[in-house]
Amino acid sequence: MTTQPALIRETFPVGPLQCNCTIIGDPLTKKAIVVDPGGDPELIMARLDKHGLKVVSIVHTHAHLDHFLAAGEMKKRTGATLHLHEDDRFLWDGLEMQCRMFGVPYSPVPAPDQYLRDDEELACGCGVALHTPGHTPGSMSFWFADAKLLIAGDTLFRRGIGRTDLWGGDYATIERSIKQRLYTLDEDATVITGHGPQTTLGEEMRENPFIRA
């Protein structure tokens, strides 16, 4: 019996707010998705080239500026499709306003090509999208069961949770998303957070000071 080779995965901080960008690649087809290209398109392209990957899909955990500042440039260079949950379209449309508020240079980004749905299979067939609102109305997490990997965006951090005082944020909603969607997954899973160090689901279920299982 042959075993499936492990996914290619690399996470690295990008952009002015050091958002964690993640490349997920299929080792057989060499097709890849890029999650949260928050800046530094040259760096992202170089990492893709290093792994010999072709990006086919650019997916966003949510539509705050620091998670998609390089999305337009990445789409222009690769032809990859842009994906977002529809409930965050108002934030996507307000990118210029967000940039102005945070003093970040504005680069226009085209409209999303497709809207993500809850439980939708991601490109490359390697994971699924989970709708985990609260930080924003359209916040998504991406679950790769075989790899025991969760990309949580700004929903869950190491010993923290996403702030809920920005546009459309809601504490009761993020609490429900974390308890009912994330803490029901494999507690051995590695969690890639939107910013800062990774963690595991089990650690957060037991030790997160804001929301425990």
C-alpha atoms as a PDB file:
ATOM      1  CA  MET A   1       0.000   0.000   0.000  1.00  0.00           C
ATOM      2  CA  THR A   2       1.439   3.350  -1.060  1.00  0.00           C
ATOM      3  CA  THR A   3       1.087   6.344   1.211  1.00  0.00           C
ATOM      4  CA  GLN A   4       0.180   9.774  -0.072  1.00  0.00           C
ATOM      5  CA  PRO A   5       3.182  12.144   0.136  1.00  0.00           C
ATOM      6  CA  ALA A   6       2.769  14.955   2.643  1.00  0.00           C
ATOM      7  CA  LEU A   7       1.444  18.324   1.549  1.00  0.00           C
ATOM      8  CA  ILE A   8       4.025  20.995   0.852  1.00  0.00           C
ATOM      9  CA  ARG A   9       3.463  23.714   3.452  1.00  0.00           C
ATOM     10  CA  GLU A  10       5.336  26.874   4.280  1.00  0.00           C
ATOM     11  CA  THR A  11       4.179  29.755   6.484  1.00  0.00           C
ATOM     12  CA  PHE A  12       5.966  33.099   6.735  1.00  0.00           C
ATOM     13  CA  PRO A  13       5.097  36.666   7.810  1.00  0.00           C
ATOM     14  CA  VAL A  14       4.449  39.263   5.109  1.00  0.00           C
ATOM     15  CA  GLY A  15       3.444  42.884   4.730  1.00  0.00           C
ATOM     16  CA  PRO A  16       3.465  45.886   7.034  1.00  0.00           C
ATOM     17  CA  LEU A  17       1.483  44.102   9.778  1.00  0.00           C
ATOM     18  CA  GLN A  18       3.360  40.772   9.512  1.00  0.00           C
ATOM     19  CA  CYS A  19       0.373  38.640   8.597  1.00  0.00           C
ATOM     20  CA  ASN A  20       1.150  34.927   8.346  1.00  0.00           C
ATOM     21  CA  CYS A  21       0.915  33.886   4.692  1.00  0.00           C
ATOM     22  CA  THR A  22       0.734  30.136   3.999  1.00  0.00           C
ATOM     23  CA  ILE A  23       1.476  28.167   0.848  1.00  0.00           C
ATOM     24  CA  ILE A  24      -0.172  24.750   0.586  1.00  0.00           C
ATOM     25  CA  GLY A  25       0.986  22.624  -2.337  1.00  0.00           C
ATOM     26  CA  ASP A  26       0.080  19.243  -3.754  1.00  0.00           C
ATOM     27  CA  PRO A  27       3.377  17.330  -4.113  1.00  0.00           C
ATOM     28  CA  LEU A  28       2.033  15.330  -7.074  1.00  0.00           C
ATOM     29  CA  THR A  29       0.323  17.952  -9.254  1.00  0.00           C
ATOM     30  CA  LYS A  30       2.489  20.853  -8.021  1.00  0.00           C
ATOM     31  CA  LYS A  31      -0.634  23.009  -7.818  1.00  0.00           C
ATOM     32  CA  ALA A  32      -0.909  25.295  -4.810  1.00  0.00           C
ATOM     33  CA  ILE A  33      -3.176  27.588  -2.869  1.00  0.00           C
ATOM     34  CA  VAL A  34      -1.936  30.733  -1.171  1.00  0.00           C
ATOM     35  CA  VAL A  35      -3.694  31.776   2.031  1.00  0.00           C
ATOM     36  CA  ASP A  36      -3.703  35.445   3.108  1.00  0.00           C
ATOM     37  CA  PRO A  37      -1.149  37.177   0.836  1.00  0.00           C
ATOM     38  CA  GLY A  38      -0.861  40.218   3.088  1.00  0.00           C
ATOM     39  CA  GLY A  39       2.019  41.861   1.229  1.00  0.00           C
ATOM     40  CA  ASP A  40       5.464  41.184  -0.259  1.00  0.00           C
ATOM     41  CA  PRO A  41       4.357  39.527  -3.525  1.00  0.00           C
ATOM     42  CA  GLU A  42       7.999  39.072  -4.605  1.00  0.00           C
ATOM     43  CA  LEU A  43       8.676  37.011  -1.480  1.00  0.00           C
ATOM     44  CA  ILE A  44       5.557  34.880  -1.969  1.00  0.00           C
ATOM     45  CA  MET A  45       6.446  34.214  -5.613  1.00  0.00           C
ATOM     46  CA  ALA A  46      10.008  33.289  -4.634  1.00  0.00           C
ATOM     47  CA  ARG A  47       8.744  30.759  -2.064  1.00  0.00           C
ATOM     48  CA  LEU A  48       6.391  29.231  -4.652  1.00  0.00           C
ATOM     49  CA  ASP A  49       9.259  28.978  -7.148  1.00  0.00           C
ATOM     50  CA  LYS A  50      11.477  27.352  -4.509  1.00  0.00           C
ATOM     51  CA  HIS A  51       8.946  24.535  -4.150  1.00  0.00           C
ATOM     52  CA  GLY A  52       8.242  24.336  -7.895  1.00  0.00           C
ATOM     53  CA  LEU A  53       4.580  25.193  -7.307  1.00  0.00           C
ATOM     54  CA  LYS A  54       1.978  26.943  -9.471  1.00  0.00           C
ATOM     55  CA  VAL A  55      -0.669  28.828  -7.523  1.00  0.00           C
ATOM     56  CA  VAL A  56      -4.199  28.227  -8.795  1.00  0.00           C
ATOM     57  CA  SER A  57      -6.230  29.699  -5.937  1.00  0.00           C
ATOM     58  CA  ILE A  58      -5.743  32.612  -3.527  1.00  0.00           C
ATOM     59  CA  VAL A  59      -7.952  32.236  -0.453  1.00  0.00           C
ATOM     60  CA  HIS A  60      -8.550  34.710   2.349  1.00  0.00           C
ATOM     61  CA  THR A  61      -9.465  34.023   5.956  1.00  0.00           C
ATOM     62  CA  HIS A  62     -11.114  37.453   6.035  1.00  0.00           C
ATOM     63  CA  ALA A  63     -10.996  40.853   4.385  1.00  0.00           C
ATOM     64  CA  HIS A  64      -8.939  43.038   6.699  1.00  0.00           C
ATOM     65  CA  LEU A  65      -6.288  44.889   4.725  1.00  0.00           C
ATOM     66  CA  ASP A  66      -3.301  43.092   6.271  1.00  0.00           C
ATOM     67  CA  HIS A  67      -4.501  39.760   4.871  1.00  0.00           C
ATOM     68  CA  PHE A  68      -4.872  40.710   1.199  1.00  0.00           C
ATOM     69  CA  LEU A  69      -2.579  43.619   0.329  1.00  0.00           C
ATOM     70  CA  ALA A  70      -0.729  41.468  -2.245  1.00  0.00           C
ATOM     71  CA  ALA A  71      -3.815  39.680  -3.612  1.00  0.00           C
ATOM     72  CA  GLY A  72      -4.202  41.887  -6.680  1.00  0.00           C
ATOM     73  CA  GLU A  73      -0.556  41.625  -7.669  1.00  0.00           C
ATOM     74  CA  MET A  74      -0.539  37.851  -7.081  1.00  0.00           C
ATOM     75  CA  LYS A  75      -3.606  37.434  -9.299  1.00  0.00           C
ATOM     76  CA  LYS A  76      -2.030  39.598 -12.016  1.00  0.00           C
ATOM     77  CA  ARG A  77       1.172  37.521 -12.022  1.00  0.00           C
ATOM     78  CA  THR A  78      -0.348  34.060 -11.766  1.00  0.00           C
ATOM     79  CA  GLY A  79      -3.922  34.204 -13.070  1.00  0.00           C
ATOM     80  CA  ALA A  80      -5.052  32.480  -9.867  1.00  0.00           C
ATOM     81  CA  THR A  81      -8.617  33.018  -8.703  1.00  0.00           C
ATOM     82  CA  LEU A  82      -9.418  35.131  -5.606  1.00  0.00           C
ATOM     83  CA  HIS A  83     -11.712  33.626  -2.947  1.00  0.00           C
ATOM     84  CA  LEU A  84     -13.480  35.230   0.035  1.00  0.00           C
ATOM     85  CA  HIS A  85     -16.658  34.671   2.053  1.00  0.00           C
ATOM     86  CA  GLU A  86     -19.428  36.938   0.762  1.00  0.00           C
ATOM     87  CA  ASP A  87     -20.188  38.328   4.234  1.00  0.00           C
ATOM     88  CA  ASP A  88     -16.823  40.141   4.098  1.00  0.00           C
ATOM     89  CA  ARG A  89     -17.454  41.765   0.725  1.00  0.00           C
ATOM     90  CA  PHE A  90     -18.162  45.117   2.437  1.00  0.00           C
ATOM     91  CA  LEU A  91     -14.651  45.042   3.911  1.00  0.00           C
ATOM     92  CA  TRP A  92     -13.101  44.055   0.577  1.00  0.00           C
ATOM     93  CA  ASP A  93     -14.905  46.975  -1.065  1.00  0.00           C
ATOM     94  CA  GLY A  94     -13.615  49.249   1.713  1.00  0.00           C
ATOM     95  CA  LEU A  95      -9.927  48.440   1.264  1.00  0.00           C
ATOM     96  CA  GLU A  96      -9.001  52.021   0.442  1.00  0.00           C
ATOM     97  CA  MET A  97     -10.730  53.244   3.622  1.00  0.00           C
ATOM     98  CA  GLN A  98      -8.968  50.583   5.718  1.00  0.00           C
ATOM     99  CA  CYS A  99      -5.567  51.515   4.274  1.00  0.00           C
ATOM    100  CA  ARG A 100      -6.184  55.189   4.967  1.00  0.00           C
ATOM    101  CA  MET A 101      -7.134  54.453   8.580  1.00  0.00           C
ATOM    102  CA  PHE A 102      -3.965  52.427   9.192  1.00  0.00           C
ATOM    103  CA  GLY A 103      -1.632  54.617   7.140  1.00  0.00           C
ATOM    104  CA  VAL A 104      -0.827  51.862   4.640  1.00  0.00           C
ATOM    105  CA  PRO A 105      -0.358  52.593   0.893  1.00  0.00           C
ATOM    106  CA  TYR A 106      -3.431  51.613  -1.109  1.00  0.00           C
ATOM    107  CA  SER A 107      -3.210  49.262  -4.105  1.00  0.00           C
ATOM    108  CA  PRO A 108      -6.496  48.432  -5.869  1.00  0.00           C
ATOM    109  CA  VAL A 109      -7.597  44.800  -5.682  1.00  0.00           C
ATOM    110  CA  PRO A 110     -10.072  43.271  -8.157  1.00  0.00           C
ATOM    111  CA  ALA A 111     -13.355  41.813  -6.959  1.00  0.00           C
ATOM    112  CA  PRO A 112     -13.286  38.206  -5.707  1.00  0.00           C
ATOM    113  CA  ASP A 113     -13.752  35.607  -8.441  1.00  0.00           C
ATOM    114  CA  GLN A 114     -15.690  33.229  -6.202  1.00  0.00           C
ATOM    115  CA  TYR A 115     -17.267  33.346  -2.766  1.00  0.00           C
ATOM    116  CA  LEU A 116     -16.259  30.684  -0.279  1.00  0.00           C
ATOM    117  CA  ARG A 117     -18.963  28.538   1.288  1.00  0.00           C
ATOM    118  CA  ASP A 118     -18.959  26.642   4.570  1.00  0.00           C
ATOM    119  CA  ASP A 119     -17.600  23.102   4.122  1.00  0.00           C
ATOM    120  CA  GLU A 120     -16.462  23.883   0.566  1.00  0.00           C
ATOM    121  CA  GLU A 121     -13.558  21.796  -0.712  1.00  0.00           C
ATOM    122  CA  LEU A 122     -10.500  23.877  -1.516  1.00  0.00           C
ATOM    123  CA  ALA A 123      -8.538  23.715  -4.767  1.00  0.00           C
ATOM    124  CA  CYS A 124      -6.138  20.752  -4.922  1.00  0.00           C
ATOM    125  CA  GLY A 125      -8.688  18.715  -2.958  1.00  0.00           C
ATOM    126  CA  CYS A 126      -6.569  18.876   0.149  1.00  0.00           C
ATOM    127  CA  GLY A 127      -8.756  20.724   2.629  1.00  0.00           C
ATOM    128  CA  VAL A 128     -12.083  22.387   3.377  1.00  0.00           C
ATOM    129  CA  ALA A 129     -13.228  25.895   4.223  1.00  0.00           C
ATOM    130  CA  LEU A 130     -15.015  26.419   7.548  1.00  0.00           C
ATOM    131  CA  HIS A 131     -17.124  29.532   8.144  1.00  0.00           C
ATOM    132  CA  THR A 132     -15.978  30.799  11.574  1.00  0.00           C
ATOM    133  CA  PRO A 133     -17.457  34.300  11.955  1.00  0.00           C
ATOM    134  CA  GLY A 134     -16.866  36.631  14.876  1.00  0.00           C
ATOM    135  CA  HIS A 135     -13.642  38.494  14.110  1.00  0.00           C
ATOM    136  CA  THR A 136     -15.463  39.535  10.933  1.00  0.00           C
ATOM    137  CA  PRO A 137     -18.832  38.310   9.599  1.00  0.00           C
ATOM    138  CA  GLY A 138     -17.140  36.326   6.822  1.00  0.00           C
ATOM    139  CA  SER A 139     -14.134  34.955   8.694  1.00  0.00           C
ATOM    140  CA  MET A 140     -13.042  31.540   7.433  1.00  0.00           C
ATOM    141  CA  SER A 141     -10.717  28.846   8.752  1.00  0.00           C
ATOM    142  CA  PHE A 142      -9.157  26.175   6.525  1.00  0.00           C
ATOM    143  CA  TRP A 143      -8.957  22.569   7.744  1.00  0.00           C
ATOM    144  CA  PHE A 144      -6.612  19.962   6.314  1.00  0.00           C
ATOM    145  CA  ALA A 145      -7.658  16.771   8.090  1.00  0.00           C
ATOM    146  CA  ASP A 146      -5.027  14.407   6.678  1.00  0.00           C
ATOM    147  CA  ALA A 147      -2.235  16.810   7.628  1.00  0.00           C
ATOM    148  CA  LYS A 148      -3.826  17.668  11.001  1.00  0.00           C
ATOM    149  CA  LEU A 149      -3.455  21.334  10.082  1.00  0.00           C
ATOM    150  CA  LEU A 150      -5.784  24.258  10.791  1.00  0.00           C
ATOM    151  CA  ILE A 151      -5.290  27.725   9.327  1.00  0.00           C
ATOM    152  CA  ALA A 152      -7.332  29.858  11.710  1.00  0.00           C
ATOM    153  CA  GLY A 153      -6.677  33.389  10.451  1.00  0.00           C
ATOM    154  CA  ASP A 154      -7.482  35.935  13.138  1.00  0.00           C
ATOM    155  CA  THR A 155     -10.125  33.751  14.798  1.00  0.00           C
ATOM    156  CA  LEU A 156      -7.785  31.878  17.143  1.00  0.00           C
ATOM    157  CA  PHE A 157      -4.275  32.782  18.309  1.00  0.00           C
ATOM    158  CA  ARG A 158      -1.756  31.167  20.617  1.00  0.00           C
ATOM    159  CA  ARG A 159      -3.337  31.994  24.000  1.00  0.00           C
ATOM    160  CA  GLY A 160      -5.576  34.564  22.363  1.00  0.00           C
ATOM    161  CA  ILE A 161      -8.555  35.169  20.097  1.00  0.00           C
ATOM    162  CA  GLY A 162      -9.316  37.683  17.364  1.00  0.00           C
ATOM    163  CA  ARG A 163     -10.408  41.143  18.388  1.00  0.00           C
ATOM    164  CA  THR A 164     -14.110  41.859  17.946  1.00  0.00           C
ATOM    165  CA  ASP A 165     -14.108  45.662  18.145  1.00  0.00           C
ATOM    166  CA  LEU A 166     -13.557  46.238  14.412  1.00  0.00           C
ATOM    167  CA  TRP A 167     -16.184  46.383  11.651  1.00  0.00           C
ATOM    168  CA  GLY A 168     -18.700  43.545  12.028  1.00  0.00           C
ATOM    169  CA  GLY A 169     -16.912  41.856  14.940  1.00  0.00           C
ATOM    170  CA  ASP A 170     -18.946  40.090  17.628  1.00  0.00           C
ATOM    171  CA  TYR A 171     -17.675  38.321  20.754  1.00  0.00           C
ATOM    172  CA  ALA A 172     -20.558  35.872  21.207  1.00  0.00           C
ATOM    173  CA  THR A 173     -20.176  34.821  17.572  1.00  0.00           C
ATOM    174  CA  ILE A 174     -16.410  34.229  17.741  1.00  0.00           C
ATOM    175  CA  GLU A 175     -16.889  32.248  20.978  1.00  0.00           C
ATOM    176  CA  ARG A 176     -19.433  30.031  19.231  1.00  0.00           C
ATOM    177  CA  SER A 177     -17.165  29.590  16.185  1.00  0.00           C
ATOM    178  CA  ILE A 178     -14.203  28.538  18.315  1.00  0.00           C
ATOM    179  CA  LYS A 179     -16.136  26.202  20.613  1.00  0.00           C
ATOM    180  CA  GLN A 180     -18.426  24.604  18.036  1.00  0.00           C
ATOM    181  CA  ARG A 181     -16.261  24.526  14.895  1.00  0.00           C
ATOM    182  CA  LEU A 182     -12.591  24.622  15.909  1.00  0.00           C
ATOM    183  CA  TYR A 183     -12.528  22.863  19.286  1.00  0.00           C
ATOM    184  CA  THR A 184     -14.409  19.901  17.789  1.00  0.00           C
ATOM    185  CA  LEU A 185     -11.492  19.161  15.425  1.00  0.00           C
ATOM    186  CA  ASP A 186      -8.486  16.927  16.183  1.00  0.00           C
ATOM    187  CA  GLU A 187      -6.780  18.337  19.276  1.00  0.00           C
ATOM    188  CA  ASP A 188      -3.396  17.182  17.979  1.00  0.00           C
ATOM    189  CA  ALA A 189      -3.750  19.553  15.012  1.00  0.00           C
ATOM    190  CA  THR A 190      -1.237  22.325  14.430  1.00  0.00           C
ATOM    191  CA  VAL A 191      -2.875  25.768  14.299  1.00  0.00           C
ATOM    192  CA  ILE A 192      -1.467  28.420  11.967  1.00  0.00           C
ATOM    193  CA  THR A 193      -2.630  31.747  13.351  1.00  0.00           C
ATOM    194  CA  GLY A 194      -3.103  35.014  11.490  1.00  0.00           C
ATOM    195  CA  HIS A 195      -0.158  36.590  13.292  1.00  0.00           C
ATOM    196  CA  GLY A 196       2.543  35.280  15.601  1.00  0.00           C
ATOM    197  CA  PRO A 197       3.543  31.732  16.548  1.00  0.00           C
ATOM    198  CA  GLN A 198       1.670  28.544  15.767  1.00  0.00           C
ATOM    199  CA  THR A 199       0.031  26.454  18.473  1.00  0.00           C
ATOM    200  CA  THR A 200      -2.011  23.255  18.770  1.00  0.00           C
ATOM    201  CA  LEU A 201      -5.747  22.901  19.201  1.00  0.00           C
ATOM    202  CA  GLY A 202      -5.335  20.848  22.358  1.00  0.00           C
ATOM    203  CA  GLU A 203      -3.192  23.522  24.014  1.00  0.00           C
ATOM    204  CA  GLU A 204      -5.776  26.206  23.263  1.00  0.00           C
ATOM    205  CA  MET A 205      -8.680  24.021  24.385  1.00  0.00           C
ATOM    206  CA  ARG A 206      -6.999  23.643  27.775  1.00  0.00           C
ATOM    207  CA  GLU A 207      -4.989  26.837  28.221  1.00  0.00           C
ATOM    208  CA  ASN A 208      -6.470  29.664  26.160  1.00  0.00           C
ATOM    209  CA  PRO A 209      -7.326  32.344  28.742  1.00  0.00           C
ATOM    210  CA  PHE A 210     -10.252  33.700  26.710  1.00  0.00           C
ATOM    211  CA  ILE A 211     -12.115  30.645  25.405  1.00  0.00           C
ATOM    212  CA  ARG A 212     -11.564  27.081  26.587  1.00  0.00           C
ATOM    213  CA  ALA A 213     -13.298  23.918  25.456  1.00  0.00           C
END
